[in-house]
Amino acid sequence: NLANWLDLGLYQKMAGDFEGAVLSWEYVSKVAPTDYIALGNLGDMYAYYIKDKTIAESYYKSAIKNGPTQAYLYIQLAGVYKDVFKDLSKANAIINEGLK
């Protein structure tokens, strides 16, 4: 049940088991390659907890590719561009992409 794996990742993240959360969400993304939720969660994890902005951006872009109508993904990636990358032009560009 993929929903349980997604939830497990959230519980692991809340408990500070970032490695476990990553493994759970990577499992979801492997068995359900079109899932966007796990990829978005991984983007958040890498941006704000593991502190690897390149990998975070890659996961968010994959999530957006899989769920192009999910407005929250564009908003979250814009936040990463603003807060982590310190790049307002990228933040504005992804918001404009989402509006299209």
PDB file of N, CA and C in Angstrom:
ATOM      1  N   ASN A   1       0.846  -1.179   0.000  1.00  0.00           N
ATOM      2  CA  ASN A   1       0.000   0.000   0.000  1.00  0.00           C
ATOM      3  C   ASN A   1       0.888   1.238   0.000  1.00  0.00           C
ATOM      4  N   LEU A   2       0.876   1.953  -1.118  1.00  0.00           N
ATOM      5  CA  LEU A   2       1.776   3.100  -1.266  1.00  0.00           C
ATOM      6  C   LEU A   2       1.460   4.224  -0.292  1.00  0.00           C
ATOM      7  N   ALA A   3       0.185   4.395   0.046  1.00  0.00           N
ATOM      8  CA  ALA A   3      -0.178   5.439   1.010  1.00  0.00           C
ATOM      9  C   ALA A   3       0.503   5.181   2.359  1.00  0.00           C
ATOM     10  N   ASN A   4       0.597   3.919   2.734  1.00  0.00           N
ATOM     11  CA  ASN A   4       1.275   3.588   3.989  1.00  0.00           C
ATOM     12  C   ASN A   4       2.769   3.893   3.923  1.00  0.00           C
ATOM     13  N   TRP A   5       3.372   3.653   2.767  1.00  0.00           N
ATOM     14  CA  TRP A   5       4.798   3.981   2.602  1.00  0.00           C
ATOM     15  C   TRP A   5       5.012   5.491   2.663  1.00  0.00           C
ATOM     16  N   LEU A   6       4.097   6.252   2.057  1.00  0.00           N
ATOM     17  CA  LEU A   6       4.187   7.711   2.133  1.00  0.00           C
ATOM     18  C   LEU A   6       4.070   8.174   3.585  1.00  0.00           C
ATOM     19  N   ASP A   7       3.101   7.594   4.301  1.00  0.00           N
ATOM     20  CA  ASP A   7       2.918   7.941   5.714  1.00  0.00           C
ATOM     21  C   ASP A   7       4.134   7.545   6.545  1.00  0.00           C
ATOM     22  N   LEU A   8       4.667   6.358   6.281  1.00  0.00           N
ATOM     23  CA  LEU A   8       5.854   5.918   7.010  1.00  0.00           C
ATOM     24  C   LEU A   8       6.984   6.934   6.851  1.00  0.00           C
ATOM     25  N   GLY A   9       7.175   7.411   5.634  1.00  0.00           N
ATOM     26  CA  GLY A   9       8.204   8.427   5.402  1.00  0.00           C
ATOM     27  C   GLY A   9       7.961   9.678   6.232  1.00  0.00           C
ATOM     28  N   LEU A  10       6.704  10.087   6.336  1.00  0.00           N
ATOM     29  CA  LEU A  10       6.385  11.268   7.160  1.00  0.00           C
ATOM     30  C   LEU A  10       6.703  11.016   8.624  1.00  0.00           C
ATOM     31  N   TYR A  11       6.337   9.839   9.121  1.00  0.00           N
ATOM     32  CA  TYR A  11       6.627   9.515  10.519  1.00  0.00           C
ATOM     33  C   TYR A  11       8.130   9.453  10.766  1.00  0.00           C
ATOM     34  N   GLN A  12       8.850   8.881   9.819  1.00  0.00           N
ATOM     35  CA  GLN A  12      10.310   8.820   9.951  1.00  0.00           C
ATOM     36  C   GLN A  12      10.907  10.219   9.969  1.00  0.00           C
ATOM     37  N   LYS A  13      10.412  11.075   9.103  1.00  0.00           N
ATOM     38  CA  LYS A  13      10.902  12.453   9.063  1.00  0.00           C
ATOM     39  C   LYS A  13      10.633  13.147  10.398  1.00  0.00           C
ATOM     40  N   MET A  14       9.421  12.992  10.935  1.00  0.00           N
ATOM     41  CA  MET A  14       9.074  13.629  12.205  1.00  0.00           C
ATOM     42  C   MET A  14       9.941  13.108  13.348  1.00  0.00           C
ATOM     43  N   ALA A  15      10.350  11.837  13.265  1.00  0.00           N
ATOM     44  CA  ALA A  15      11.185  11.240  14.304  1.00  0.00           C
ATOM     45  C   ALA A  15      12.664  11.572  14.121  1.00  0.00           C
ATOM     46  N   GLY A  16      12.995  12.275  13.042  1.00  0.00           N
ATOM     47  CA  GLY A  16      14.386  12.634  12.782  1.00  0.00           C
ATOM     48  C   GLY A  16      15.154  11.583  12.016  1.00  0.00           C
ATOM     49  N   ASP A  17      14.468  10.557  11.547  1.00  0.00           N
ATOM     50  CA  ASP A  17      15.109   9.501  10.751  1.00  0.00           C
ATOM     51  C   ASP A  17      15.035   9.894   9.276  1.00  0.00           C
ATOM     52  N   PHE A  18      15.867  10.836   8.905  1.00  0.00           N
ATOM     53  CA  PHE A  18      15.821  11.362   7.541  1.00  0.00           C
ATOM     54  C   PHE A  18      16.222  10.308   6.517  1.00  0.00           C
ATOM     55  N   GLU A  19      17.200   9.489   6.868  1.00  0.00           N
ATOM     56  CA  GLU A  19      17.628   8.428   5.951  1.00  0.00           C
ATOM     57  C   GLU A  19      16.487   7.443   5.710  1.00  0.00           C
ATOM     58  N   GLY A  20      15.767   7.080   6.755  1.00  0.00           N
ATOM     59  CA  GLY A  20      14.631   6.179   6.612  1.00  0.00           C
ATOM     60  C   GLY A  20      13.528   6.789   5.765  1.00  0.00           C
ATOM     61  N   ALA A  21      13.265   8.078   5.975  1.00  0.00           N
ATOM     62  CA  ALA A  21      12.237   8.766   5.185  1.00  0.00           C
ATOM     63  C   ALA A  21      12.610   8.761   3.710  1.00  0.00           C
ATOM     64  N   VAL A  22      13.864   9.048   3.425  1.00  0.00           N
ATOM     65  CA  VAL A  22      14.330   9.045   2.035  1.00  0.00           C
ATOM     66  C   VAL A  22      14.143   7.663   1.424  1.00  0.00           C
ATOM     67  N   LEU A  23      14.504   6.619   2.155  1.00  0.00           N
ATOM     68  CA  LEU A  23      14.355   5.260   1.631  1.00  0.00           C
ATOM     69  C   LEU A  23      12.892   4.922   1.363  1.00  0.00           C
ATOM     70  N   SER A  24      12.000   5.317   2.259  1.00  0.00           N
ATOM     71  CA  SER A  24      10.575   5.036   2.066  1.00  0.00           C
ATOM     72  C   SER A  24      10.042   5.741   0.827  1.00  0.00           C
ATOM     73  N   TRP A  25      10.373   7.005   0.677  1.00  0.00           N
ATOM     74  CA  TRP A  25       9.860   7.763  -0.467  1.00  0.00           C
ATOM     75  C   TRP A  25      10.518   7.352  -1.770  1.00  0.00           C
ATOM     76  N   GLU A  26      11.788   6.981  -1.709  1.00  0.00           N
ATOM     77  CA  GLU A  26      12.431   6.468  -2.924  1.00  0.00           C
ATOM     78  C   GLU A  26      11.782   5.146  -3.350  1.00  0.00           C
ATOM     79  N   TYR A  27      11.394   4.328  -2.385  1.00  0.00           N
ATOM     80  CA  TYR A  27      10.704   3.081  -2.705  1.00  0.00           C
ATOM     81  C   TYR A  27       9.404   3.381  -3.450  1.00  0.00           C
ATOM     82  N   VAL A  28       8.630   4.345  -2.934  1.00  0.00           N
ATOM     83  CA  VAL A  28       7.373   4.717  -3.601  1.00  0.00           C
ATOM     84  C   VAL A  28       7.655   5.178  -5.023  1.00  0.00           C
ATOM     85  N   SER A  29       8.667   6.010  -5.192  1.00  0.00           N
ATOM     86  CA  SER A  29       8.951   6.540  -6.534  1.00  0.00           C
ATOM     87  C   SER A  29       9.443   5.461  -7.495  1.00  0.00           C
ATOM     88  N   LYS A  30       9.999   4.376  -6.957  1.00  0.00           N
ATOM     89  CA  LYS A  30      10.430   3.270  -7.825  1.00  0.00           C
ATOM     90  C   LYS A  30       9.257   2.384  -8.228  1.00  0.00           C
ATOM     91  N   VAL A  31       8.367   2.086  -7.292  1.00  0.00           N
ATOM     92  CA  VAL A  31       7.263   1.186  -7.624  1.00  0.00           C
ATOM     93  C   VAL A  31       6.094   1.921  -8.278  1.00  0.00           C
ATOM     94  N   ALA A  32       6.060   3.242  -8.129  1.00  0.00           N
ATOM     95  CA  ALA A  32       5.020   4.056  -8.772  1.00  0.00           C
ATOM     96  C   ALA A  32       5.700   5.268  -9.407  1.00  0.00           C
ATOM     97  N   PRO A  33       6.357   5.055 -10.547  1.00  0.00           N
ATOM     98  CA  PRO A  33       7.188   6.111 -11.139  1.00  0.00           C
ATOM     99  C   PRO A  33       6.440   7.387 -11.537  1.00  0.00           C
ATOM    100  N   THR A  34       5.113   7.333 -11.618  1.00  0.00           N
ATOM    101  CA  THR A  34       4.371   8.546 -11.962  1.00  0.00           C
ATOM    102  C   THR A  34       3.864   9.291 -10.722  1.00  0.00           C
ATOM    103  N   ASP A  35       4.164   8.770  -9.537  1.00  0.00           N
ATOM    104  CA  ASP A  35       3.759   9.433  -8.295  1.00  0.00           C
ATOM    105  C   ASP A  35       4.512  10.754  -8.149  1.00  0.00           C
ATOM    106  N   TYR A  36       3.806  11.779  -7.739  1.00  0.00           N
ATOM    107  CA  TYR A  36       4.448  13.076  -7.534  1.00  0.00           C
ATOM    108  C   TYR A  36       4.596  13.413  -6.059  1.00  0.00           C
ATOM    109  N   ILE A  37       3.835  12.774  -5.204  1.00  0.00           N
ATOM    110  CA  ILE A  37       3.868  13.111  -3.781  1.00  0.00           C
ATOM    111  C   ILE A  37       5.214  12.747  -3.161  1.00  0.00           C
ATOM    112  N   ALA A  38       5.673  11.514  -3.395  1.00  0.00           N
ATOM    113  CA  ALA A  38       6.957  11.083  -2.840  1.00  0.00           C
ATOM    114  C   ALA A  38       8.086  11.967  -3.357  1.00  0.00           C
ATOM    115  N   LEU A  39       8.038  12.317  -4.637  1.00  0.00           N
ATOM    116  CA  LEU A  39       9.087  13.158  -5.209  1.00  0.00           C
ATOM    117  C   LEU A  39       9.087  14.551  -4.585  1.00  0.00           C
ATOM    118  N   GLY A  40       7.905  15.097  -4.354  1.00  0.00           N
ATOM    119  CA  GLY A  40       7.817  16.398  -3.683  1.00  0.00           C
ATOM    120  C   GLY A  40       8.332  16.321  -2.255  1.00  0.00           C
ATOM    121  N   ASN A  41       7.998  15.225  -1.567  1.00  0.00           N
ATOM    122  CA  ASN A  41       8.500  15.042  -0.210  1.00  0.00           C
ATOM    123  C   ASN A  41      10.024  14.943  -0.197  1.00  0.00           C
ATOM    124  N   LEU A  42      10.569  14.234  -1.171  1.00  0.00           N
ATOM    125  CA  LEU A  42      12.024  14.134  -1.278  1.00  0.00           C
ATOM    126  C   LEU A  42      12.648  15.494  -1.574  1.00  0.00           C
ATOM    127  N   GLY A  43      11.997  16.280  -2.423  1.00  0.00           N
ATOM    128  CA  GLY A  43      12.496  17.628  -2.700  1.00  0.00           C
ATOM    129  C   GLY A  43      12.571  18.459  -1.432  1.00  0.00           C
ATOM    130  N   ASP A  44      11.516  18.408  -0.630  1.00  0.00           N
ATOM    131  CA  ASP A  44      11.496  19.132   0.641  1.00  0.00           C
ATOM    132  C   ASP A  44      12.598  18.631   1.575  1.00  0.00           C
ATOM    133  N   MET A  45      12.724  17.319   1.663  1.00  0.00           N
ATOM    134  CA  MET A  45      13.727  16.727   2.553  1.00  0.00           C
ATOM    135  C   MET A  45      15.136  17.177   2.184  1.00  0.00           C
ATOM    136  N   TYR A  46      15.446  17.120   0.896  1.00  0.00           N
ATOM    137  CA  TYR A  46      16.789  17.502   0.464  1.00  0.00           C
ATOM    138  C   TYR A  46      17.017  19.003   0.558  1.00  0.00           C
ATOM    139  N   ALA A  47      15.986  19.801   0.380  1.00  0.00           N
ATOM    140  CA  ALA A  47      16.162  21.253   0.444  1.00  0.00           C
ATOM    141  C   ALA A  47      16.391  21.741   1.871  1.00  0.00           C
ATOM    142  N   TYR A  48      15.557  21.275   2.796  1.00  0.00           N
ATOM    143  CA  TYR A  48      15.541  21.864   4.127  1.00  0.00           C
ATOM    144  C   TYR A  48      16.191  21.024   5.221  1.00  0.00           C
ATOM    145  N   TYR A  49      16.378  19.737   4.996  1.00  0.00           N
ATOM    146  CA  TYR A  49      16.914  18.887   6.056  1.00  0.00           C
ATOM    147  C   TYR A  49      18.285  18.316   5.715  1.00  0.00           C
ATOM    148  N   ILE A  50      18.432  17.815   4.491  1.00  0.00           N
ATOM    149  CA  ILE A  50      19.714  17.245   4.083  1.00  0.00           C
ATOM    150  C   ILE A  50      20.625  18.326   3.502  1.00  0.00           C
ATOM    151  N   LYS A  51      20.020  19.405   3.069  1.00  0.00           N
ATOM    152  CA  LYS A  51      20.747  20.593   2.576  1.00  0.00           C
ATOM    153  C   LYS A  51      21.538  20.321   1.298  1.00  0.00           C
ATOM    154  N   ASP A  52      20.882  19.672   0.345  1.00  0.00           N
ATOM    155  CA  ASP A  52      21.483  19.484  -0.975  1.00  0.00           C
ATOM    156  C   ASP A  52      20.512  20.075  -1.992  1.00  0.00           C
ATOM    157  N   LYS A  53      20.740  21.327  -2.331  1.00  0.00           N
ATOM    158  CA  LYS A  53      19.770  22.042  -3.169  1.00  0.00           C
ATOM    159  C   LYS A  53      19.706  21.512  -4.597  1.00  0.00           C
ATOM    160  N   THR A  54      20.783  20.955  -5.117  1.00  0.00           N
ATOM    161  CA  THR A  54      20.766  20.415  -6.474  1.00  0.00           C
ATOM    162  C   THR A  54      19.837  19.206  -6.558  1.00  0.00           C
ATOM    163  N   ILE A  55      19.963  18.305  -5.594  1.00  0.00           N
ATOM    164  CA  ILE A  55      19.093  17.126  -5.586  1.00  0.00           C
ATOM    165  C   ILE A  55      17.656  17.546  -5.300  1.00  0.00           C
ATOM    166  N   ALA A  56      17.473  18.503  -4.398  1.00  0.00           N
ATOM    167  CA  ALA A  56      16.124  19.000  -4.081  1.00  0.00           C
ATOM    168  C   ALA A  56      15.437  19.518  -5.336  1.00  0.00           C
ATOM    169  N   GLU A  57      16.141  20.335  -6.092  1.00  0.00           N
ATOM    170  CA  GLU A  57      15.575  20.900  -7.316  1.00  0.00           C
ATOM    171  C   GLU A  57      15.201  19.790  -8.299  1.00  0.00           C
ATOM    172  N   SER A  58      16.058  18.788  -8.421  1.00  0.00           N
ATOM    173  CA  SER A  58      15.799  17.676  -9.333  1.00  0.00           C
ATOM    174  C   SER A  58      14.528  16.921  -8.940  1.00  0.00           C
ATOM    175  N   TYR A  59      14.378  16.652  -7.652  1.00  0.00           N
ATOM    176  CA  TYR A  59      13.172  15.950  -7.197  1.00  0.00           C
ATOM    177  C   TYR A  59      11.920  16.793  -7.433  1.00  0.00           C
ATOM    178  N   TYR A  60      11.988  18.078  -7.130  1.00  0.00           N
ATOM    179  CA  TYR A  60      10.823  18.932  -7.355  1.00  0.00           C
ATOM    180  C   TYR A  60      10.456  19.001  -8.837  1.00  0.00           C
ATOM    181  N   LYS A  61      11.464  19.106  -9.699  1.00  0.00           N
ATOM    182  CA  LYS A  61      11.170  19.162 -11.133  1.00  0.00           C
ATOM    183  C   LYS A  61      10.547  17.853 -11.621  1.00  0.00           C
ATOM    184  N   SER A  62      11.000  16.732 -11.088  1.00  0.00           N
ATOM    185  CA  SER A  62      10.389  15.442 -11.437  1.00  0.00           C
ATOM    186  C   SER A  62       8.956  15.368 -10.918  1.00  0.00           C
ATOM    187  N   ALA A  63       8.738  15.888  -9.718  1.00  0.00           N
ATOM    188  CA  ALA A  63       7.384  15.898  -9.159  1.00  0.00           C
ATOM    189  C   ALA A  63       6.456  16.739 -10.031  1.00  0.00           C
ATOM    190  N   ILE A  64       6.925  17.890 -10.465  1.00  0.00           N
ATOM    191  CA  ILE A  64       6.124  18.767 -11.324  1.00  0.00           C
ATOM    192  C   ILE A  64       5.857  18.095 -12.667  1.00  0.00           C
ATOM    193  N   LYS A  65       6.847  17.402 -13.188  1.00  0.00           N
ATOM    194  CA  LYS A  65       6.649  16.682 -14.455  1.00  0.00           C
ATOM    195  C   LYS A  65       5.541  15.644 -14.307  1.00  0.00           C
ATOM    196  N   ASN A  66       5.512  14.944 -13.164  1.00  0.00           N
ATOM    197  CA  ASN A  66       4.501  13.911 -12.934  1.00  0.00           C
ATOM    198  C   ASN A  66       3.146  14.472 -12.528  1.00  0.00           C
ATOM    199  N   GLY A  67       3.137  15.647 -11.915  1.00  0.00           N
ATOM    200  CA  GLY A  67       1.880  16.249 -11.464  1.00  0.00           C
ATOM    201  C   GLY A  67       1.793  17.708 -11.855  1.00  0.00           C
ATOM    202  N   PRO A  68       1.761  17.987 -13.157  1.00  0.00           N
ATOM    203  CA  PRO A  68       1.835  19.388 -13.609  1.00  0.00           C
ATOM    204  C   PRO A  68       0.659  20.260 -13.179  1.00  0.00           C
ATOM    205  N   THR A  69      -0.425  19.665 -12.723  1.00  0.00           N
ATOM    206  CA  THR A  69      -1.575  20.462 -12.273  1.00  0.00           C
ATOM    207  C   THR A  69      -1.577  20.670 -10.760  1.00  0.00           C
ATOM    208  N   GLN A  70      -0.553  20.198 -10.087  1.00  0.00           N
ATOM    209  CA  GLN A  70      -0.475  20.323  -8.625  1.00  0.00           C
ATOM    210  C   GLN A  70       0.204  21.651  -8.269  1.00  0.00           C
ATOM    211  N   ALA A  71      -0.612  22.661  -8.014  1.00  0.00           N
ATOM    212  CA  ALA A  71      -0.104  24.010  -7.776  1.00  0.00           C
ATOM    213  C   ALA A  71       0.873  24.062  -6.610  1.00  0.00           C
ATOM    214  N   TYR A  72       0.639  23.247  -5.587  1.00  0.00           N
ATOM    215  CA  TYR A  72       1.490  23.323  -4.406  1.00  0.00           C
ATOM    216  C   TYR A  72       2.953  22.998  -4.715  1.00  0.00           C
ATOM    217  N   LEU A  73       3.197  22.159  -5.724  1.00  0.00           N
ATOM    218  CA  LEU A  73       4.571  21.817  -6.072  1.00  0.00           C
ATOM    219  C   LEU A  73       5.326  23.028  -6.612  1.00  0.00           C
ATOM    220  N   TYR A  74       4.661  23.820  -7.425  1.00  0.00           N
ATOM    221  CA  TYR A  74       5.279  25.039  -7.948  1.00  0.00           C
ATOM    222  C   TYR A  74       5.559  26.017  -6.804  1.00  0.00           C
ATOM    223  N   ILE A  75       4.609  26.113  -5.885  1.00  0.00           N
ATOM    224  CA  ILE A  75       4.761  27.028  -4.752  1.00  0.00           C
ATOM    225  C   ILE A  75       5.916  26.576  -3.858  1.00  0.00           C
ATOM    226  N   GLN A  76       5.985  25.273  -3.602  1.00  0.00           N
ATOM    227  CA  GLN A  76       7.077  24.764  -2.768  1.00  0.00           C
ATOM    228  C   GLN A  76       8.433  24.979  -3.425  1.00  0.00           C
ATOM    229  N   LEU A  77       8.524  24.703  -4.727  1.00  0.00           N
ATOM    230  CA  LEU A  77       9.800  24.912  -5.413  1.00  0.00           C
ATOM    231  C   LEU A  77      10.156  26.390  -5.438  1.00  0.00           C
ATOM    232  N   ALA A  78       9.171  27.257  -5.606  1.00  0.00           N
ATOM    233  CA  ALA A  78       9.445  28.701  -5.544  1.00  0.00           C
ATOM    234  C   ALA A  78      10.005  29.069  -4.174  1.00  0.00           C
ATOM    235  N   GLY A  79       9.461  28.470  -3.121  1.00  0.00           N
ATOM    236  CA  GLY A  79       9.986  28.712  -1.777  1.00  0.00           C
ATOM    237  C   GLY A  79      11.425  28.254  -1.635  1.00  0.00           C
ATOM    238  N   VAL A  80      11.752  27.112  -2.229  1.00  0.00           N
ATOM    239  CA  VAL A  80      13.133  26.619  -2.198  1.00  0.00           C
ATOM    240  C   VAL A  80      14.046  27.585  -2.949  1.00  0.00           C
ATOM    241  N   TYR A  81      13.604  28.041  -4.103  1.00  0.00           N
ATOM    242  CA  TYR A  81      14.425  29.004  -4.853  1.00  0.00           C
ATOM    243  C   TYR A  81      14.637  30.277  -4.038  1.00  0.00           C
ATOM    244  N   LYS A  82      13.603  30.733  -3.365  1.00  0.00           N
ATOM    245  CA  LYS A  82      13.695  31.965  -2.582  1.00  0.00           C
ATOM    246  C   LYS A  82      14.534  31.764  -1.321  1.00  0.00           C
ATOM    247  N   ASP A  83      14.233  30.722  -0.549  1.00  0.00           N
ATOM    248  CA  ASP A  83      14.855  30.543   0.760  1.00  0.00           C
ATOM    249  C   ASP A  83      16.216  29.863   0.732  1.00  0.00           C
ATOM    250  N   VAL A  84      16.373  28.876  -0.141  1.00  0.00           N
ATOM    251  CA  VAL A  84      17.601  28.080  -0.160  1.00  0.00           C
ATOM    252  C   VAL A  84      18.580  28.590  -1.213  1.00  0.00           C
ATOM    253  N   PHE A  85      18.066  28.811  -2.428  1.00  0.00           N
ATOM    254  CA  PHE A  85      18.923  29.284  -3.519  1.00  0.00           C
ATOM    255  C   PHE A  85      19.178  30.786  -3.442  1.00  0.00           C
ATOM    256  N   LYS A  86      18.285  31.505  -2.746  1.00  0.00           N
ATOM    257  CA  LYS A  86      18.337  32.977  -2.681  1.00  0.00           C
ATOM    258  C   LYS A  86      18.261  33.579  -4.089  1.00  0.00           C
ATOM    259  N   ASP A  87      17.357  33.010  -4.900  1.00  0.00           N
ATOM    260  CA  ASP A  87      17.227  33.407  -6.301  1.00  0.00           C
ATOM    261  C   ASP A  87      15.762  33.728  -6.600  1.00  0.00           C
ATOM    262  N   LEU A  88      15.423  35.003  -6.500  1.00  0.00           N
ATOM    263  CA  LEU A  88      14.040  35.420  -6.722  1.00  0.00           C
ATOM    264  C   LEU A  88      13.615  35.289  -8.177  1.00  0.00           C
ATOM    265  N   SER A  89      14.552  35.402  -9.109  1.00  0.00           N
ATOM    266  CA  SER A  89      14.165  35.274 -10.519  1.00  0.00           C
ATOM    267  C   SER A  89      13.732  33.831 -10.823  1.00  0.00           C
ATOM    268  N   LYS A  90      14.425  32.841 -10.253  1.00  0.00           N
ATOM    269  CA  LYS A  90      13.999  31.456 -10.431  1.00  0.00           C
ATOM    270  C   LYS A  90      12.653  31.217  -9.739  1.00  0.00           C
ATOM    271  N   ALA A  91      12.469  31.827  -8.577  1.00  0.00           N
ATOM    272  CA  ALA A  91      11.196  31.678  -7.858  1.00  0.00           C
ATOM    273  C   ALA A  91      10.048  32.243  -8.694  1.00  0.00           C
ATOM    274  N   ASN A  92      10.250  33.413  -9.257  1.00  0.00           N
ATOM    275  CA  ASN A  92       9.211  34.011 -10.100  1.00  0.00           C
ATOM    276  C   ASN A  92       8.971  33.181 -11.353  1.00  0.00           C
ATOM    277  N   ALA A  93      10.033  32.662 -11.939  1.00  0.00           N
ATOM    278  CA  ALA A  93       9.905  31.878 -13.169  1.00  0.00           C
ATOM    279  C   ALA A  93       9.096  30.598 -12.936  1.00  0.00           C
ATOM    280  N   ILE A  94       9.316  29.925 -11.797  1.00  0.00           N
ATOM    281  CA  ILE A  94       8.569  28.684 -11.568  1.00  0.00           C
ATOM    282  C   ILE A  94       7.125  28.988 -11.242  1.00  0.00           C
ATOM    283  N   ILE A  95       6.853  30.095 -10.595  1.00  0.00           N
ATOM    284  CA  ILE A  95       5.466  30.493 -10.344  1.00  0.00           C
ATOM    285  C   ILE A  95       4.764  30.786 -11.683  1.00  0.00           C
ATOM    286  N   ASN A  96       5.451  31.499 -12.559  1.00  0.00           N
ATOM    287  CA  ASN A  96       4.869  31.786 -13.885  1.00  0.00           C
ATOM    288  C   ASN A  96       4.641  30.508 -14.682  1.00  0.00           C
ATOM    289  N   GLU A  97       5.561  29.553 -14.565  1.00  0.00           N
ATOM    290  CA  GLU A  97       5.374  28.267 -15.234  1.00  0.00           C
ATOM    291  C   GLU A  97       4.135  27.574 -14.690  1.00  0.00           C
ATOM    292  N   GLY A  98       3.946  27.622 -13.399  1.00  0.00           N
ATOM    293  CA  GLY A  98       2.774  27.012 -12.786  1.00  0.00           C
ATOM    294  C   GLY A  98       1.481  27.671 -13.209  1.00  0.00           C
ATOM    295  N   LEU A  99       1.519  28.961 -13.421  1.00  0.00           N
ATOM    296  CA  LEU A  99       0.318  29.685 -13.844  1.00  0.00           C
ATOM    297  C   LEU A  99      -0.098  29.332 -15.260  1.00  0.00           C
ATOM    298  N   LYS A 100       0.872  28.923 -16.074  1.00  0.00           N
ATOM    299  CA  LYS A 100       0.557  28.526 -17.449  1.00  0.00           C
ATOM    300  C   LYS A 100      -0.239  27.261 -17.422  1.00  0.00           C
TER     301      LYS A 100
END
